[in-house]
Amino acid sequence: MLAAATYLLAALLTTRVPRNQLGPDALAGQPSVRHALTVVTQGLLAGLRHLRQRPVAGSALLVIAAHRFFYGLSTVATILLYRNYFNDSAHTGAGLAGLSLAVLVSGLGFLTAAVITPVATERMPPQTWIVVLLAGAAIAEAFPAASTPSRRCWSRRSSSASRRKG
């Protein structure tokens, strides 16, 4: 209720801002879309040249991109598994409960990493710590024993599947 009241108050406060104050300002010398795209492309190419001269930074960005890709893939897979495999798709509440537990565990993992990282990087180089964390993530993906549903959930899944067959 407090959140709804806060949003309502924020919406009411925005009505006090005059429309011409919201921007963007239309400038007479504003560049064309083609010119703006050219400037952005030149900036991206300059960034790539910069990274080519600094291979460690380029490698770090590639590792970050790969990690984000696989984390996103894992997130989508988790949503689909909890929605369609671990629970009957008609019972969305059960799927949401399991998914919320998975999100909670993920959040606790982020919090734990944030607390442990300063201590760990005092004892080992940051590059080593990054490799340790990525290896831990790979092991968690390959052997997800800590994040799979309990046996009760598996038995519920198999019993609902046998009821549908018979």
N, C-alpha and C. Protein backbone atom coordinates (compact mmCIF):
# COMPACT_ATOMS: atom_id res chain seq x y z
N MET A 1 0.81 -1.18 0.00
CA MET A 1 0.00 0.00 0.00
C MET A 1 0.86 1.25 0.00
N LEU A 2 1.97 1.18 0.76
CA LEU A 2 2.89 2.31 0.82
C LEU A 2 3.52 2.58 -0.55
N ALA A 3 3.87 1.51 -1.24
CA ALA A 3 4.46 1.66 -2.58
C ALA A 3 3.47 2.32 -3.53
N ALA A 4 2.20 1.91 -3.48
CA ALA A 4 1.19 2.50 -4.36
C ALA A 4 1.01 3.98 -4.05
N ALA A 5 1.02 4.33 -2.78
CA ALA A 5 0.88 5.74 -2.40
C ALA A 5 2.09 6.55 -2.86
N THR A 6 3.27 5.96 -2.78
CA THR A 6 4.49 6.65 -3.23
C THR A 6 4.45 6.88 -4.73
N TYR A 7 4.05 5.86 -5.49
CA TYR A 7 3.94 6.02 -6.94
C TYR A 7 2.90 7.09 -7.30
N LEU A 8 1.79 7.09 -6.60
CA LEU A 8 0.75 8.08 -6.85
C LEU A 8 1.27 9.49 -6.55
N LEU A 9 1.98 9.63 -5.45
CA LEU A 9 2.56 10.93 -5.11
C LEU A 9 3.56 11.38 -6.18
N ALA A 10 4.41 10.47 -6.65
CA ALA A 10 5.37 10.80 -7.70
C ALA A 10 4.65 11.22 -8.98
N ALA A 11 3.58 10.51 -9.33
CA ALA A 11 2.83 10.86 -10.54
C ALA A 11 2.20 12.24 -10.40
N LEU A 12 1.67 12.54 -9.22
CA LEU A 12 1.07 13.86 -9.01
C LEU A 12 2.13 14.96 -9.05
N LEU A 13 3.30 14.70 -8.54
CA LEU A 13 4.37 15.70 -8.57
C LEU A 13 4.84 15.98 -9.99
N THR A 14 4.78 15.00 -10.86
CA THR A 14 5.22 15.22 -12.24
C THR A 14 4.28 16.15 -12.99
N THR A 15 3.05 16.29 -12.55
CA THR A 15 2.13 17.20 -13.23
C THR A 15 2.53 18.66 -13.02
N ARG A 16 3.41 18.94 -12.05
CA ARG A 16 3.86 20.30 -11.80
C ARG A 16 4.96 20.74 -12.76
N VAL A 17 5.58 19.79 -13.49
CA VAL A 17 6.66 20.12 -14.41
C VAL A 17 6.05 20.56 -15.74
N PRO A 18 6.38 21.79 -16.21
CA PRO A 18 5.83 22.24 -17.49
C PRO A 18 6.31 21.35 -18.65
N ARG A 19 5.45 21.17 -19.64
CA ARG A 19 5.74 20.29 -20.76
C ARG A 19 7.01 20.70 -21.51
N ASN A 20 7.25 21.98 -21.64
CA ASN A 20 8.43 22.42 -22.40
C ASN A 20 9.74 22.23 -21.63
N GLN A 21 9.66 21.81 -20.38
CA GLN A 21 10.85 21.56 -19.58
C GLN A 21 11.34 20.11 -19.67
N LEU A 22 10.58 19.24 -20.33
CA LEU A 22 10.91 17.82 -20.35
C LEU A 22 11.94 17.44 -21.40
N GLY A 23 12.12 18.25 -22.45
CA GLY A 23 13.13 17.99 -23.48
C GLY A 23 12.77 16.82 -24.35
N PRO A 24 13.56 16.43 -25.29
CA PRO A 24 14.82 17.09 -25.63
C PRO A 24 14.56 18.40 -26.36
N ASP A 25 15.51 19.29 -26.25
CA ASP A 25 15.38 20.57 -26.93
C ASP A 25 15.64 20.39 -28.42
N ALA A 26 14.76 20.94 -29.23
CA ALA A 26 14.93 20.86 -30.68
C ALA A 26 15.90 21.97 -31.10
N LEU A 27 17.07 21.54 -31.51
CA LEU A 27 18.08 22.50 -31.95
C LEU A 27 18.04 22.65 -33.46
N ALA A 28 18.30 23.85 -33.93
CA ALA A 28 18.29 24.08 -35.38
C ALA A 28 19.43 23.32 -36.05
N GLY A 29 20.57 23.22 -35.38
CA GLY A 29 21.73 22.56 -35.98
C GLY A 29 21.86 21.11 -35.58
N GLN A 30 20.75 20.47 -35.23
CA GLN A 30 20.78 19.08 -34.80
C GLN A 30 21.21 18.19 -35.96
N PRO A 31 22.14 17.23 -35.71
CA PRO A 31 22.62 16.39 -36.81
C PRO A 31 21.53 15.44 -37.32
N SER A 32 21.71 15.03 -38.55
CA SER A 32 20.76 14.07 -39.13
C SER A 32 21.00 12.69 -38.50
N VAL A 33 20.06 11.81 -38.72
CA VAL A 33 20.18 10.45 -38.20
C VAL A 33 21.39 9.77 -38.83
N ARG A 34 21.59 9.97 -40.10
CA ARG A 34 22.75 9.36 -40.79
C ARG A 34 24.05 9.83 -40.15
N HIS A 35 24.15 11.14 -39.89
CA HIS A 35 25.37 11.68 -39.28
C HIS A 35 25.56 11.10 -37.88
N ALA A 36 24.49 11.02 -37.10
CA ALA A 36 24.58 10.47 -35.74
C ALA A 36 25.03 9.01 -35.78
N LEU A 37 24.47 8.21 -36.72
CA LEU A 37 24.89 6.81 -36.84
C LEU A 37 26.35 6.70 -37.26
N THR A 38 26.80 7.59 -38.11
CA THR A 38 28.20 7.60 -38.53
C THR A 38 29.11 7.87 -37.33
N VAL A 39 28.74 8.85 -36.51
CA VAL A 39 29.55 9.18 -35.33
C VAL A 39 29.59 8.01 -34.36
N VAL A 40 28.46 7.36 -34.14
CA VAL A 40 28.42 6.20 -33.24
C VAL A 40 29.26 5.06 -33.79
N THR A 41 29.15 4.79 -35.08
CA THR A 41 29.95 3.72 -35.71
C THR A 41 31.43 4.02 -35.59
N GLN A 42 31.83 5.26 -35.82
CA GLN A 42 33.24 5.63 -35.69
C GLN A 42 33.72 5.43 -34.25
N GLY A 43 32.87 5.77 -33.29
CA GLY A 43 33.21 5.56 -31.89
C GLY A 43 33.38 4.08 -31.55
N LEU A 44 32.49 3.24 -32.07
CA LEU A 44 32.60 1.80 -31.83
C LEU A 44 33.87 1.24 -32.44
N LEU A 45 34.19 1.66 -33.65
CA LEU A 45 35.42 1.20 -34.31
C LEU A 45 36.66 1.67 -33.55
N ALA A 46 36.63 2.90 -33.04
CA ALA A 46 37.75 3.38 -32.24
C ALA A 46 37.89 2.54 -30.96
N GLY A 47 36.77 2.17 -30.37
CA GLY A 47 36.81 1.31 -29.19
C GLY A 47 37.39 -0.05 -29.50
N LEU A 48 37.03 -0.63 -30.64
CA LEU A 48 37.60 -1.93 -31.04
C LEU A 48 39.10 -1.82 -31.29
N ARG A 49 39.55 -0.73 -31.91
CA ARG A 49 40.98 -0.52 -32.11
C ARG A 49 41.70 -0.41 -30.77
N HIS A 50 41.08 0.28 -29.84
CA HIS A 50 41.64 0.45 -28.51
C HIS A 50 41.78 -0.92 -27.83
N LEU A 51 40.77 -1.76 -27.95
CA LEU A 51 40.83 -3.08 -27.34
C LEU A 51 41.85 -3.98 -28.04
N ARG A 52 42.02 -3.82 -29.33
CA ARG A 52 43.01 -4.63 -30.05
C ARG A 52 44.41 -4.33 -29.53
N GLN A 53 44.64 -3.09 -29.11
CA GLN A 53 45.95 -2.72 -28.57
C GLN A 53 46.11 -3.18 -27.12
N ARG A 54 45.02 -3.55 -26.47
CA ARG A 54 45.04 -3.99 -25.08
C ARG A 54 44.32 -5.34 -24.98
N PRO A 55 45.03 -6.42 -25.31
CA PRO A 55 44.38 -7.74 -25.38
C PRO A 55 43.81 -8.23 -24.04
N VAL A 56 44.41 -7.82 -22.93
CA VAL A 56 43.88 -8.27 -21.62
C VAL A 56 42.48 -7.70 -21.42
N ALA A 57 42.30 -6.41 -21.73
CA ALA A 57 40.98 -5.80 -21.58
C ALA A 57 39.98 -6.43 -22.55
N GLY A 58 40.42 -6.70 -23.78
CA GLY A 58 39.55 -7.35 -24.76
C GLY A 58 39.12 -8.73 -24.30
N SER A 59 40.06 -9.49 -23.74
CA SER A 59 39.73 -10.82 -23.23
C SER A 59 38.75 -10.74 -22.07
N ALA A 60 38.96 -9.76 -21.20
CA ALA A 60 38.05 -9.60 -20.06
C ALA A 60 36.63 -9.30 -20.54
N LEU A 61 36.51 -8.44 -21.54
CA LEU A 61 35.17 -8.13 -22.06
C LEU A 61 34.54 -9.34 -22.73
N LEU A 62 35.35 -10.16 -23.41
CA LEU A 62 34.81 -11.38 -24.02
C LEU A 62 34.32 -12.36 -22.95
N VAL A 63 35.07 -12.47 -21.86
CA VAL A 63 34.66 -13.35 -20.77
C VAL A 63 33.35 -12.85 -20.16
N ILE A 64 33.25 -11.55 -19.95
CA ILE A 64 32.01 -10.98 -19.40
C ILE A 64 30.84 -11.25 -20.33
N ALA A 65 31.05 -11.05 -21.63
CA ALA A 65 29.97 -11.28 -22.60
C ALA A 65 29.55 -12.75 -22.60
N ALA A 66 30.53 -13.65 -22.58
CA ALA A 66 30.21 -15.09 -22.57
C ALA A 66 29.46 -15.46 -21.30
N HIS A 67 29.91 -14.94 -20.15
CA HIS A 67 29.23 -15.25 -18.89
C HIS A 67 27.80 -14.74 -18.90
N ARG A 68 27.60 -13.53 -19.37
CA ARG A 68 26.23 -12.98 -19.41
C ARG A 68 25.34 -13.78 -20.36
N PHE A 69 25.91 -14.21 -21.48
CA PHE A 69 25.13 -15.02 -22.42
C PHE A 69 24.68 -16.32 -21.76
N PHE A 70 25.63 -17.03 -21.14
CA PHE A 70 25.29 -18.31 -20.53
C PHE A 70 24.43 -18.16 -19.29
N TYR A 71 24.59 -17.07 -18.54
CA TYR A 71 23.72 -16.82 -17.40
C TYR A 71 22.29 -16.56 -17.88
N GLY A 72 22.16 -15.80 -18.95
CA GLY A 72 20.83 -15.56 -19.53
C GLY A 72 20.20 -16.84 -20.03
N LEU A 73 21.01 -17.67 -20.69
CA LEU A 73 20.52 -18.96 -21.18
C LEU A 73 20.06 -19.83 -20.01
N SER A 74 20.84 -19.84 -18.95
CA SER A 74 20.49 -20.61 -17.76
C SER A 74 19.20 -20.07 -17.12
N THR A 75 19.04 -18.76 -17.11
CA THR A 75 17.84 -18.16 -16.54
C THR A 75 16.59 -18.58 -17.32
N VAL A 76 16.67 -18.50 -18.64
CA VAL A 76 15.53 -18.91 -19.47
C VAL A 76 15.24 -20.40 -19.28
N ALA A 77 16.29 -21.22 -19.22
CA ALA A 77 16.09 -22.65 -19.01
C ALA A 77 15.44 -22.92 -17.66
N THR A 78 15.86 -22.19 -16.63
CA THR A 78 15.28 -22.36 -15.29
C THR A 78 13.80 -22.02 -15.30
N ILE A 79 13.46 -20.92 -15.94
CA ILE A 79 12.04 -20.51 -16.02
C ILE A 79 11.23 -21.59 -16.73
N LEU A 80 11.74 -22.08 -17.85
CA LEU A 80 11.01 -23.10 -18.60
C LEU A 80 10.90 -24.41 -17.83
N LEU A 81 11.97 -24.81 -17.14
CA LEU A 81 11.92 -26.04 -16.36
C LEU A 81 10.89 -25.96 -15.23
N TYR A 82 10.91 -24.86 -14.50
CA TYR A 82 9.94 -24.73 -13.41
C TYR A 82 8.52 -24.57 -13.93
N ARG A 83 8.37 -24.02 -15.09
CA ARG A 83 7.02 -23.82 -15.66
C ARG A 83 6.46 -25.10 -16.25
N ASN A 84 7.30 -25.87 -16.97
CA ASN A 84 6.77 -26.98 -17.77
C ASN A 84 7.23 -28.37 -17.35
N TYR A 85 8.35 -28.49 -16.62
CA TYR A 85 8.87 -29.83 -16.36
C TYR A 85 8.73 -30.24 -14.90
N PHE A 86 9.18 -29.40 -13.98
CA PHE A 86 9.14 -29.77 -12.57
C PHE A 86 7.73 -29.76 -12.02
N ASN A 87 6.82 -29.04 -12.65
CA ASN A 87 5.44 -28.94 -12.17
C ASN A 87 4.51 -29.07 -13.36
N ASP A 88 3.28 -29.43 -13.08
CA ASP A 88 2.28 -29.46 -14.13
C ASP A 88 2.05 -28.02 -14.60
N SER A 89 2.06 -27.81 -15.89
CA SER A 89 1.96 -26.44 -16.41
C SER A 89 0.62 -25.78 -16.06
N ALA A 90 -0.36 -26.57 -15.66
CA ALA A 90 -1.65 -25.99 -15.25
C ALA A 90 -1.56 -25.38 -13.85
N HIS A 91 -0.61 -25.82 -13.06
CA HIS A 91 -0.45 -25.31 -11.70
C HIS A 91 0.68 -24.28 -11.67
N THR A 92 0.37 -23.07 -12.11
CA THR A 92 1.40 -22.04 -12.20
C THR A 92 1.91 -21.61 -10.84
N GLY A 93 1.10 -21.74 -9.81
CA GLY A 93 1.53 -21.37 -8.47
C GLY A 93 2.70 -22.21 -7.99
N ALA A 94 2.66 -23.51 -8.26
CA ALA A 94 3.75 -24.39 -7.86
C ALA A 94 5.02 -24.05 -8.63
N GLY A 95 4.87 -23.77 -9.91
CA GLY A 95 6.03 -23.39 -10.72
C GLY A 95 6.63 -22.08 -10.25
N LEU A 96 5.76 -21.13 -9.88
CA LEU A 96 6.24 -19.84 -9.39
C LEU A 96 6.94 -19.99 -8.05
N ALA A 97 6.45 -20.88 -7.20
CA ALA A 97 7.09 -21.10 -5.90
C ALA A 97 8.50 -21.65 -6.09
N GLY A 98 8.65 -22.62 -6.97
CA GLY A 98 9.97 -23.17 -7.24
C GLY A 98 10.90 -22.16 -7.88
N LEU A 99 10.36 -21.38 -8.81
CA LEU A 99 11.15 -20.36 -9.48
C LEU A 99 11.58 -19.28 -8.50
N SER A 100 10.69 -18.91 -7.60
CA SER A 100 11.06 -17.88 -6.61
C SER A 100 12.17 -18.38 -5.70
N LEU A 101 12.17 -19.66 -5.39
CA LEU A 101 13.25 -20.24 -4.59
C LEU A 101 14.56 -20.18 -5.37
N ALA A 102 14.52 -20.49 -6.67
CA ALA A 102 15.72 -20.43 -7.50
C ALA A 102 16.25 -18.99 -7.59
N VAL A 103 15.36 -18.02 -7.71
CA VAL A 103 15.77 -16.61 -7.76
C VAL A 103 16.37 -16.20 -6.42
N LEU A 104 15.79 -16.66 -5.32
CA LEU A 104 16.31 -16.37 -3.99
C LEU A 104 17.73 -16.92 -3.84
N VAL A 105 17.94 -18.16 -4.26
CA VAL A 105 19.27 -18.77 -4.17
C VAL A 105 20.26 -18.00 -5.03
N SER A 106 19.84 -17.58 -6.21
CA SER A 106 20.71 -16.79 -7.08
C SER A 106 21.07 -15.46 -6.41
N GLY A 107 20.10 -14.80 -5.83
CA GLY A 107 20.36 -13.54 -5.13
C GLY A 107 21.30 -13.73 -3.95
N LEU A 108 21.13 -14.81 -3.21
CA LEU A 108 22.04 -15.10 -2.10
C LEU A 108 23.46 -15.36 -2.61
N GLY A 109 23.55 -15.97 -3.79
CA GLY A 109 24.86 -16.18 -4.40
C GLY A 109 25.54 -14.87 -4.75
N PHE A 110 24.77 -13.93 -5.32
CA PHE A 110 25.32 -12.61 -5.63
C PHE A 110 25.77 -11.90 -4.36
N LEU A 111 24.95 -11.96 -3.31
CA LEU A 111 25.29 -11.32 -2.05
C LEU A 111 26.53 -11.94 -1.44
N THR A 112 26.60 -13.25 -1.44
CA THR A 112 27.77 -13.95 -0.90
C THR A 112 29.03 -13.56 -1.66
N ALA A 113 28.95 -13.51 -2.99
CA ALA A 113 30.11 -13.12 -3.79
C ALA A 113 30.54 -11.69 -3.48
N ALA A 114 29.57 -10.81 -3.27
CA ALA A 114 29.90 -9.41 -2.95
C ALA A 114 30.60 -9.31 -1.60
N VAL A 115 30.25 -10.15 -0.65
CA VAL A 115 30.87 -10.11 0.67
C VAL A 115 32.25 -10.79 0.64
N ILE A 116 32.37 -11.90 -0.07
CA ILE A 116 33.60 -12.68 -0.06
C ILE A 116 34.67 -12.10 -0.99
N THR A 117 34.28 -11.44 -2.07
CA THR A 117 35.25 -10.98 -3.07
C THR A 117 36.34 -10.08 -2.51
N PRO A 118 36.04 -9.08 -1.68
CA PRO A 118 37.15 -8.26 -1.16
C PRO A 118 38.17 -9.07 -0.37
N VAL A 119 37.70 -10.03 0.42
CA VAL A 119 38.61 -10.87 1.20
C VAL A 119 39.42 -11.78 0.27
N ALA A 120 38.75 -12.36 -0.71
CA ALA A 120 39.42 -13.29 -1.62
C ALA A 120 40.47 -12.59 -2.47
N THR A 121 40.17 -11.37 -2.92
CA THR A 121 41.13 -10.67 -3.78
C THR A 121 42.30 -10.08 -2.99
N GLU A 122 42.23 -10.09 -1.66
CA GLU A 122 43.41 -9.76 -0.85
C GLU A 122 44.38 -10.92 -0.80
N ARG A 123 43.85 -12.13 -0.98
CA ARG A 123 44.67 -13.34 -0.86
C ARG A 123 45.12 -13.91 -2.19
N MET A 124 44.49 -13.50 -3.27
CA MET A 124 44.86 -14.00 -4.60
C MET A 124 44.64 -12.90 -5.62
N PRO A 125 45.29 -13.00 -6.76
CA PRO A 125 45.08 -11.96 -7.79
C PRO A 125 43.64 -11.99 -8.30
N PRO A 126 43.11 -10.83 -8.69
CA PRO A 126 41.73 -10.79 -9.18
C PRO A 126 41.48 -11.74 -10.36
N GLN A 127 42.46 -11.92 -11.23
CA GLN A 127 42.28 -12.83 -12.36
C GLN A 127 42.04 -14.26 -11.87
N THR A 128 42.77 -14.66 -10.84
CA THR A 128 42.59 -16.01 -10.29
C THR A 128 41.20 -16.14 -9.66
N TRP A 129 40.77 -15.11 -8.95
CA TRP A 129 39.45 -15.13 -8.32
C TRP A 129 38.35 -15.23 -9.37
N ILE A 130 38.51 -14.51 -10.45
CA ILE A 130 37.52 -14.57 -11.54
C ILE A 130 37.44 -15.98 -12.11
N VAL A 131 38.59 -16.62 -12.30
CA VAL A 131 38.60 -17.99 -12.82
C VAL A 131 37.94 -18.94 -11.82
N VAL A 132 38.21 -18.74 -10.53
CA VAL A 132 37.58 -19.57 -9.50
C VAL A 132 36.06 -19.42 -9.55
N LEU A 133 35.57 -18.19 -9.65
CA LEU A 133 34.12 -17.96 -9.70
C LEU A 133 33.50 -18.55 -10.97
N LEU A 134 34.17 -18.36 -12.11
CA LEU A 134 33.63 -18.92 -13.35
C LEU A 134 33.63 -20.45 -13.33
N ALA A 135 34.67 -21.03 -12.74
CA ALA A 135 34.71 -22.49 -12.61
C ALA A 135 33.59 -22.97 -11.69
N GLY A 136 33.36 -22.24 -10.61
CA GLY A 136 32.25 -22.59 -9.71
C GLY A 136 30.91 -22.50 -10.42
N ALA A 137 30.73 -21.48 -11.25
CA ALA A 137 29.49 -21.35 -12.01
C ALA A 137 29.34 -22.51 -12.99
N ALA A 138 30.44 -22.90 -13.63
CA ALA A 138 30.39 -24.02 -14.58
C ALA A 138 30.03 -25.32 -13.87
N ILE A 139 30.60 -25.53 -12.68
CA ILE A 139 30.29 -26.74 -11.92
C ILE A 139 28.82 -26.73 -11.48
N ALA A 140 28.33 -25.58 -11.06
CA ALA A 140 26.92 -25.48 -10.66
C ALA A 140 25.99 -25.75 -11.83
N GLU A 141 26.39 -25.35 -13.03
CA GLU A 141 25.57 -25.64 -14.22
C GLU A 141 25.64 -27.11 -14.60
N ALA A 142 26.82 -27.70 -14.47
CA ALA A 142 26.99 -29.10 -14.87
C ALA A 142 26.38 -30.06 -13.84
N PHE A 143 26.47 -29.72 -12.55
CA PHE A 143 25.97 -30.57 -11.48
C PHE A 143 25.05 -29.75 -10.58
N PRO A 144 23.83 -29.52 -10.99
CA PRO A 144 22.96 -28.59 -10.25
C PRO A 144 22.25 -29.23 -9.06
N ALA A 145 22.94 -30.08 -8.29
CA ALA A 145 22.29 -30.77 -7.18
C ALA A 145 21.70 -29.80 -6.17
N ALA A 146 22.36 -28.68 -5.95
CA ALA A 146 21.86 -27.73 -4.95
C ALA A 146 20.65 -26.96 -5.44
N SER A 147 20.45 -26.90 -6.75
CA SER A 147 19.36 -26.07 -7.25
C SER A 147 18.22 -26.88 -7.86
N THR A 148 18.31 -28.21 -7.84
CA THR A 148 17.21 -29.00 -8.39
C THR A 148 16.12 -29.16 -7.34
N PRO A 149 14.92 -29.40 -7.78
CA PRO A 149 13.83 -29.60 -6.82
C PRO A 149 14.05 -30.83 -5.96
N SER A 150 13.37 -30.86 -4.84
CA SER A 150 13.52 -31.98 -3.93
C SER A 150 12.92 -33.24 -4.55
N ARG A 151 13.20 -34.37 -3.92
CA ARG A 151 12.64 -35.65 -4.41
C ARG A 151 11.12 -35.60 -4.42
N ARG A 152 10.56 -34.89 -3.47
CA ARG A 152 9.10 -34.78 -3.41
C ARG A 152 8.57 -34.17 -4.70
N CYS A 153 9.27 -33.16 -5.21
CA CYS A 153 8.83 -32.52 -6.45
C CYS A 153 8.96 -33.49 -7.62
N TRP A 154 10.08 -34.27 -7.63
CA TRP A 154 10.27 -35.23 -8.72
C TRP A 154 9.19 -36.30 -8.69
N SER A 155 8.86 -36.78 -7.47
CA SER A 155 7.84 -37.82 -7.39
C SER A 155 6.47 -37.26 -7.77
N ARG A 156 6.22 -36.01 -7.44
CA ARG A 156 4.95 -35.40 -7.82
C ARG A 156 4.87 -35.30 -9.34
N ARG A 157 5.99 -34.97 -9.98
CA ARG A 157 6.02 -34.86 -11.45
C ARG A 157 5.75 -36.22 -12.08
N SER A 158 6.42 -37.26 -11.57
CA SER A 158 6.24 -38.58 -12.17
C SER A 158 4.83 -39.13 -11.90
N SER A 159 4.26 -38.83 -10.73
CA SER A 159 2.92 -39.33 -10.45
C SER A 159 1.87 -38.61 -11.29
N SER A 160 2.08 -37.31 -11.56
CA SER A 160 1.11 -36.61 -12.40
C SER A 160 1.23 -37.08 -13.85
N ALA A 161 2.44 -37.44 -14.27
CA ALA A 161 2.62 -37.95 -15.64
C ALA A 161 1.98 -39.33 -15.77
N SER A 162 2.09 -40.17 -14.72
CA SER A 162 1.48 -41.51 -14.82
C SER A 162 -0.04 -41.40 -14.77
N ARG A 163 -0.60 -40.42 -14.05
CA ARG A 163 -2.05 -40.24 -14.03
C ARG A 163 -2.56 -39.84 -15.42
N ARG A 164 -1.79 -39.03 -16.13
CA ARG A 164 -2.23 -38.61 -17.46
C ARG A 164 -2.21 -39.77 -18.45
N LYS A 165 -1.22 -40.69 -18.28
CA LYS A 165 -1.13 -41.83 -19.19
C LYS A 165 -2.23 -42.83 -18.93
N GLY A 166 -2.51 -43.09 -17.67
CA GLY A 166 -3.45 -44.17 -17.31
C GLY A 166 -4.79 -43.73 -17.07
